[in-house]
């Protein structure tokens, strides 16, 4: 159950990063600065018994990496953030890619939640055997 729980934690943090990316993908910035930097969650496998008493193994978030702040230039002369040539900078975030990752992350979370539910049911059934 610990491995599935750690998988749920990683999936939740991955969903948080994707949500942050989606929420900021349409935020313009001045061309002189960096655009919003896309977030990427990094994780690693935890070997059986190696992670501070975690006997089940699983996965652990090792950090968050950031994409380039270069962004993409868009001509919007009416935007108050536009430079003298009428350009603003938007983050270089692909909506289709983010939505694909979100679906993948949701499925990973659901699969791990199903494992936790099945383990819980098995433990409850084992307790019922002892009562009979």
Protein backbone atom coordinates (compact mmCIF):
# COMPACT_ATOMS: atom_id res chain seq x y z
CA UNK A 1 0.00 0.00 0.00
CA UNK A 2 2.98 2.31 0.59
CA UNK A 3 4.13 2.05 -3.02
CA UNK A 4 0.66 2.98 -4.29
CA UNK A 5 0.46 5.84 -1.81
CA UNK A 6 3.79 7.22 -2.98
CA UNK A 7 2.56 6.93 -6.57
CA UNK A 8 -0.52 8.96 -5.65
CA UNK A 9 1.70 11.64 -4.09
CA UNK A 10 3.86 11.91 -7.21
CA UNK A 11 0.78 12.03 -9.45
CA UNK A 12 -0.75 14.79 -7.31
CA UNK A 13 2.41 16.90 -7.49
CA UNK A 14 2.62 16.29 -11.23
CA UNK A 15 -1.02 17.44 -11.61
CA UNK A 16 -0.19 20.55 -9.57
CA UNK A 17 2.67 21.40 -11.95
CA UNK A 18 0.47 20.84 -15.01
CA UNK A 19 -2.28 22.99 -13.49
CA UNK A 20 0.24 25.75 -12.87
CA UNK A 21 1.47 25.50 -16.46
CA UNK A 22 -2.07 25.65 -17.86
CA UNK A 23 -3.06 28.55 -15.61
CA UNK A 24 -0.09 30.63 -16.78
CA UNK A 25 0.18 29.70 -20.45
CA UNK A 26 -1.72 32.82 -21.58
CA UNK A 27 0.07 35.30 -19.31
CA UNK A 28 1.90 37.87 -21.37
CA UNK A 29 5.10 39.50 -20.18
CA UNK A 30 7.40 42.23 -21.43
CA UNK A 31 9.89 41.22 -24.08
CA UNK A 32 12.73 42.44 -21.88
CA UNK A 33 12.01 39.80 -19.21
CA UNK A 34 11.47 36.08 -19.03
CA UNK A 35 8.12 34.49 -19.78
CA UNK A 36 6.54 32.09 -17.29
CA UNK A 37 8.78 29.04 -17.03
CA UNK A 38 7.05 25.70 -17.50
CA UNK A 39 7.30 23.31 -14.54
CA UNK A 40 8.40 19.68 -14.80
CA UNK A 41 8.21 17.30 -11.83
CA UNK A 42 11.08 14.85 -11.53
CA UNK A 43 10.72 11.58 -9.64
CA UNK A 44 12.77 8.49 -8.97
CA UNK A 45 12.12 4.94 -7.91
CA UNK A 46 12.65 4.11 -4.26
CA UNK A 47 14.20 0.71 -3.69
CA UNK A 48 12.61 -1.67 -1.25
CA UNK A 49 13.54 -0.70 2.31
CA UNK A 50 15.94 2.09 1.32
CA UNK A 51 13.88 5.20 2.02
CA UNK A 52 13.70 5.93 5.75
CA UNK A 53 11.78 2.83 6.71
CA UNK A 54 9.62 2.65 3.58
CA UNK A 55 9.45 -1.12 3.22
CA UNK A 56 7.33 -1.11 0.07
CA UNK A 57 9.52 0.85 -2.30
CA UNK A 58 7.59 3.12 -4.65
CA UNK A 59 8.49 6.52 -6.08
CA UNK A 60 9.48 9.88 -4.68
CA UNK A 61 9.49 13.40 -6.11
CA UNK A 62 13.08 14.56 -6.38
CA UNK A 63 12.38 18.11 -7.48
CA UNK A 64 10.86 20.49 -9.95
CA UNK A 65 12.70 21.58 -13.05
CA UNK A 66 11.88 24.66 -15.06
CA UNK A 67 11.72 25.13 -18.81
CA UNK A 68 13.17 28.02 -20.74
CA UNK A 69 11.98 31.54 -20.05
CA UNK A 70 12.59 32.51 -23.68
CA UNK A 71 8.91 32.14 -24.59
CA UNK A 72 7.37 33.05 -27.91
CA UNK A 73 6.98 36.54 -29.29
CA UNK A 74 3.48 37.62 -30.35
CA UNK A 75 2.57 40.87 -32.09
CA UNK A 76 -0.06 42.59 -29.91
CA UNK A 77 0.41 46.34 -30.30
CA UNK A 78 -2.64 47.11 -28.10
CA UNK A 79 -1.32 45.10 -25.15
CA UNK A 80 -0.09 47.42 -22.36
CA UNK A 81 3.00 45.19 -21.95
CA UNK A 82 3.98 45.51 -25.63
CA UNK A 83 7.42 46.84 -26.51
CA UNK A 84 8.04 49.69 -28.98
CA UNK A 85 7.53 47.24 -31.89
CA UNK A 86 4.23 45.93 -30.48
CA UNK A 87 5.50 42.54 -29.27
CA UNK A 88 4.83 40.72 -26.01
CA UNK A 89 6.23 37.44 -24.78
CA UNK A 90 4.11 34.39 -23.93
CA UNK A 91 5.27 31.14 -22.32
CA UNK A 92 6.19 28.39 -24.75
CA UNK A 93 3.68 25.86 -23.37
CA UNK A 94 1.85 23.43 -25.66
CA UNK A 95 -1.79 22.95 -24.61
CA UNK A 96 -2.14 19.55 -26.31
CA UNK A 97 0.99 18.23 -24.60
CA UNK A 98 -0.16 19.48 -21.20
CA UNK A 99 -3.62 17.95 -21.63
CA UNK A 100 -2.07 14.63 -22.66
CA UNK A 101 0.14 14.69 -19.57
CA UNK A 102 -2.87 15.59 -17.42
CA UNK A 103 -4.82 12.57 -18.69
CA UNK A 104 -1.81 10.32 -18.12
CA UNK A 105 -1.38 11.69 -14.60
CA UNK A 106 -5.06 11.25 -13.76
CA UNK A 107 -4.91 7.63 -14.88
CA UNK A 108 -1.80 7.01 -12.80
CA UNK A 109 -3.51 8.50 -9.76
CA UNK A 110 -6.65 6.40 -10.36
CA UNK A 111 -4.62 3.21 -10.78
CA UNK A 112 -2.76 3.82 -7.53
CA UNK A 113 -6.00 4.71 -5.73
CA UNK A 114 -7.52 1.43 -6.96
CA UNK A 115 -4.56 -0.49 -5.51
CA UNK A 116 -5.03 1.25 -2.15
CA UNK A 117 -8.77 0.44 -2.20
CA UNK A 118 -8.13 -3.22 -3.03
CA UNK A 119 -5.50 -3.53 -0.32
CA UNK A 120 -7.88 -1.98 2.19
CA UNK A 121 -10.61 -4.43 1.17
CA UNK A 122 -8.19 -7.34 1.53
CA UNK A 123 -7.14 -6.21 5.00
CA UNK A 124 -10.78 -5.84 6.06
CA UNK A 125 -11.59 -9.32 4.70
CA UNK A 126 -8.65 -10.77 6.63
CA UNK A 127 -9.95 -9.17 9.82
CA UNK A 128 -13.38 -10.67 9.20
CA UNK A 129 -11.86 -14.15 8.88
CA UNK A 130 -10.43 -13.77 12.36
CA UNK A 131 -13.87 -12.89 13.78
CA UNK A 132 -15.56 -16.05 12.51
